[in-house]
Amino acid sequence: MEDFDALIEAAHGRGLRLILDLVPNHTSDQHPWFIEARSSRDNPKRDWYIWRDGRPDGEPPTTGCRNLAAAPGSTTRPTGQYYYHAFLAQQPDLNWRNPEVRQAIYDVMRFWLGKGRRRFSRRRDLAPDQGRRLPRQPAEPALPRRPAAA
């Protein structure tokens, strides 16, 4: 972080501004949140991501959604579940229906705002909208719909 602070100071000293892009819909599969979440079905961070049971033969679930992957780092898939990713398999999507996830991301935003960021870019292509892409599973509540575009 010291290097980043020095970079900001040097840029501002030259009349430049840095642009940072925050993509709040996913993390890396190497992020501590995901590593913790994939460790067991009972982990408190498990619901920070979207998981589905695999088929009895160990193959991905038949949800009609191709964006499901086995948790990395395990060929045995100890939990028998797959996680949802809208883009790369190395970018598991966060579960924005979970208020703890929203709070954690808002804390990240507050951190960067405290570092002198004035605003964040509005990347509509990466907005969290899993509810429209991930089919409903039996015995699960329906996912909230995305508000209609204005």
Protein backbone atom coordinates (compact mmCIF):
# COMPACT_ATOMS: atom_id res chain seq x y z
CA MET A 1 0.00 0.00 0.00
CA GLU A 2 2.97 2.30 0.57
CA ASP A 3 3.87 1.94 -3.12
CA PHE A 4 0.31 2.84 -4.11
CA ASP A 5 0.29 5.91 -1.85
CA ALA A 6 3.62 7.01 -3.35
CA LEU A 7 2.22 6.50 -6.85
CA ILE A 8 -0.82 8.67 -6.08
CA GLU A 9 1.37 11.38 -4.58
CA ALA A 10 3.74 11.36 -7.58
CA ALA A 11 0.84 11.43 -10.05
CA HIS A 12 -0.89 14.30 -8.25
CA GLY A 13 2.46 16.14 -8.14
CA ARG A 14 2.47 16.01 -11.93
CA GLY A 15 -1.15 17.08 -12.25
CA LEU A 16 -2.31 13.57 -13.15
CA ARG A 17 -5.19 11.52 -11.78
CA LEU A 18 -5.25 7.75 -11.49
CA ILE A 19 -8.30 5.82 -12.60
CA LEU A 20 -9.09 2.67 -10.64
CA ASP A 21 -11.69 0.18 -11.72
CA LEU A 22 -13.57 -1.75 -9.05
CA VAL A 23 -15.47 -4.80 -10.29
CA PRO A 24 -17.70 -5.84 -7.38
CA ASN A 25 -19.41 -8.86 -8.91
CA HIS A 26 -16.62 -11.41 -8.41
CA THR A 27 -13.34 -12.19 -6.68
CA SER A 28 -10.38 -14.26 -7.73
CA ASP A 29 -10.49 -17.96 -6.95
CA GLN A 30 -7.30 -17.20 -4.96
CA HIS A 31 -9.01 -14.58 -2.76
CA PRO A 32 -9.16 -15.45 0.96
CA TRP A 33 -12.98 -15.18 0.94
CA PHE A 34 -13.29 -17.84 -1.78
CA ILE A 35 -10.61 -20.11 -0.33
CA GLU A 36 -12.51 -20.05 2.96
CA ALA A 37 -15.90 -20.49 1.26
CA ARG A 38 -14.84 -23.55 -0.74
CA SER A 39 -13.41 -25.34 2.31
CA SER A 40 -16.75 -26.76 3.51
CA ARG A 41 -20.50 -26.40 3.13
CA ASP A 42 -20.68 -25.19 6.74
CA ASN A 43 -18.17 -22.38 6.36
CA PRO A 44 -19.61 -18.94 7.27
CA LYS A 45 -18.41 -17.52 3.93
CA ARG A 46 -20.03 -20.33 1.90
CA ASP A 47 -23.07 -18.19 1.10
CA TRP A 48 -20.81 -15.41 -0.17
CA TYR A 49 -20.76 -17.29 -3.49
CA ILE A 50 -23.35 -19.20 -5.52
CA TRP A 51 -23.07 -22.99 -5.30
CA ARG A 52 -25.01 -25.89 -6.81
CA ASP A 53 -24.81 -29.63 -6.19
CA GLY A 54 -23.20 -31.76 -8.86
CA ARG A 55 -24.96 -34.74 -10.36
CA PRO A 56 -24.55 -38.13 -8.62
CA ASP A 57 -21.86 -39.08 -11.16
CA GLY A 58 -19.83 -36.00 -10.17
CA GLU A 59 -20.59 -34.10 -13.36
CA PRO A 60 -21.79 -30.48 -13.26
CA PRO A 61 -25.45 -29.91 -12.40
CA THR A 62 -27.98 -29.71 -15.20
CA THR A 63 -29.23 -26.20 -14.54
CA GLY A 64 -29.31 -24.96 -18.11
CA CYS A 65 -26.42 -22.66 -17.17
CA ARG A 66 -22.96 -23.36 -18.57
CA ASN A 67 -21.17 -21.04 -16.16
CA LEU A 68 -20.59 -23.48 -13.32
CA ALA A 69 -17.16 -24.80 -12.34
CA ALA A 70 -15.67 -27.19 -9.83
CA ALA A 71 -13.85 -25.52 -6.97
CA PRO A 72 -10.18 -25.16 -7.98
CA GLY A 73 -7.40 -26.93 -6.16
CA SER A 74 -9.39 -30.11 -5.65
CA THR A 75 -9.89 -32.89 -8.11
CA THR A 76 -12.10 -34.73 -5.62
CA ARG A 77 -14.51 -31.80 -5.16
CA PRO A 78 -14.92 -32.50 -1.42
CA THR A 79 -18.19 -30.61 -1.13
CA GLY A 80 -19.64 -32.06 -4.32
CA GLN A 81 -20.68 -28.59 -5.44
CA TYR A 82 -19.93 -26.25 -8.29
CA TYR A 83 -19.72 -22.47 -8.11
CA TYR A 84 -21.17 -19.93 -10.50
CA HIS A 85 -18.95 -17.65 -12.60
CA ALA A 86 -20.27 -15.24 -15.22
CA PHE A 87 -16.88 -14.84 -16.89
CA LEU A 88 -13.71 -16.84 -16.24
CA ALA A 89 -13.73 -19.89 -13.99
CA GLN A 90 -10.99 -18.12 -11.99
CA GLN A 91 -13.52 -15.36 -11.16
CA PRO A 92 -16.27 -16.84 -8.96
CA ASP A 93 -19.25 -14.52 -8.70
CA LEU A 94 -20.24 -13.08 -5.36
CA ASN A 95 -23.73 -13.72 -4.01
CA TRP A 96 -25.19 -10.20 -3.89
CA ARG A 97 -28.34 -11.53 -2.22
CA ASN A 98 -26.23 -11.96 0.93
CA PRO A 99 -26.20 -8.74 3.02
CA GLU A 100 -22.75 -9.62 4.40
CA VAL A 101 -21.33 -9.60 0.87
CA ARG A 102 -22.88 -6.21 0.13
CA GLN A 103 -21.50 -4.81 3.39
CA ALA A 104 -18.01 -6.19 2.68
CA ILE A 105 -17.94 -4.66 -0.80
CA TYR A 106 -19.23 -1.34 0.54
CA ASP A 107 -16.37 -1.46 3.07
CA VAL A 108 -13.92 -1.98 0.19
CA MET A 109 -15.44 1.04 -1.58
CA ARG A 110 -15.16 3.14 1.58
CA PHE A 111 -11.50 2.12 1.90
CA TRP A 112 -10.70 3.36 -1.61
CA LEU A 113 -12.75 6.51 -1.14
CA GLY A 114 -10.66 7.12 1.99
CA LYS A 115 -7.56 6.86 -0.19
CA GLY A 116 -8.72 9.86 -2.17
CA ARG A 117 -10.82 8.21 -4.84
CA ARG A 118 -13.70 10.48 -5.75
CA ARG A 119 -15.92 7.95 -7.49
CA PHE A 120 -16.03 4.58 -9.18
CA SER A 121 -16.55 3.81 -12.83
CA ARG A 122 -20.00 2.58 -13.84
CA ARG A 123 -19.34 -0.65 -15.65
CA ARG A 124 -22.78 -1.89 -16.59
CA ASP A 125 -21.22 -4.85 -18.37
CA LEU A 126 -20.00 -6.18 -15.01
CA ALA A 127 -22.95 -5.27 -12.80
CA PRO A 128 -23.97 -7.98 -10.33
CA ASP A 129 -27.06 -9.55 -11.87
CA GLN A 130 -26.73 -13.27 -11.28
CA GLY A 131 -30.47 -13.51 -10.75
CA ARG A 132 -31.14 -13.29 -14.48
CA ARG A 133 -28.50 -15.83 -15.49
CA LEU A 134 -28.67 -18.56 -12.89
CA PRO A 135 -31.72 -20.82 -13.07
CA ARG A 136 -33.77 -21.49 -9.98
CA GLN A 137 -33.10 -24.78 -8.23
CA PRO A 138 -35.71 -26.92 -6.47
CA ALA A 139 -36.28 -26.03 -2.80
CA GLU A 140 -34.64 -22.63 -3.23
CA PRO A 141 -36.32 -19.24 -3.25
CA ALA A 142 -36.69 -17.47 -6.56
CA LEU A 143 -33.85 -15.05 -7.22
CA PRO A 144 -34.72 -11.35 -7.31
CA ARG A 145 -35.16 -9.84 -10.73
CA ARG A 146 -33.05 -6.99 -12.01
CA PRO A 147 -34.94 -3.67 -12.08
CA ALA A 148 -36.18 -2.67 -15.52
CA ALA A 149 -33.88 -0.32 -17.41
CA ALA A 150 -34.98 3.29 -17.34
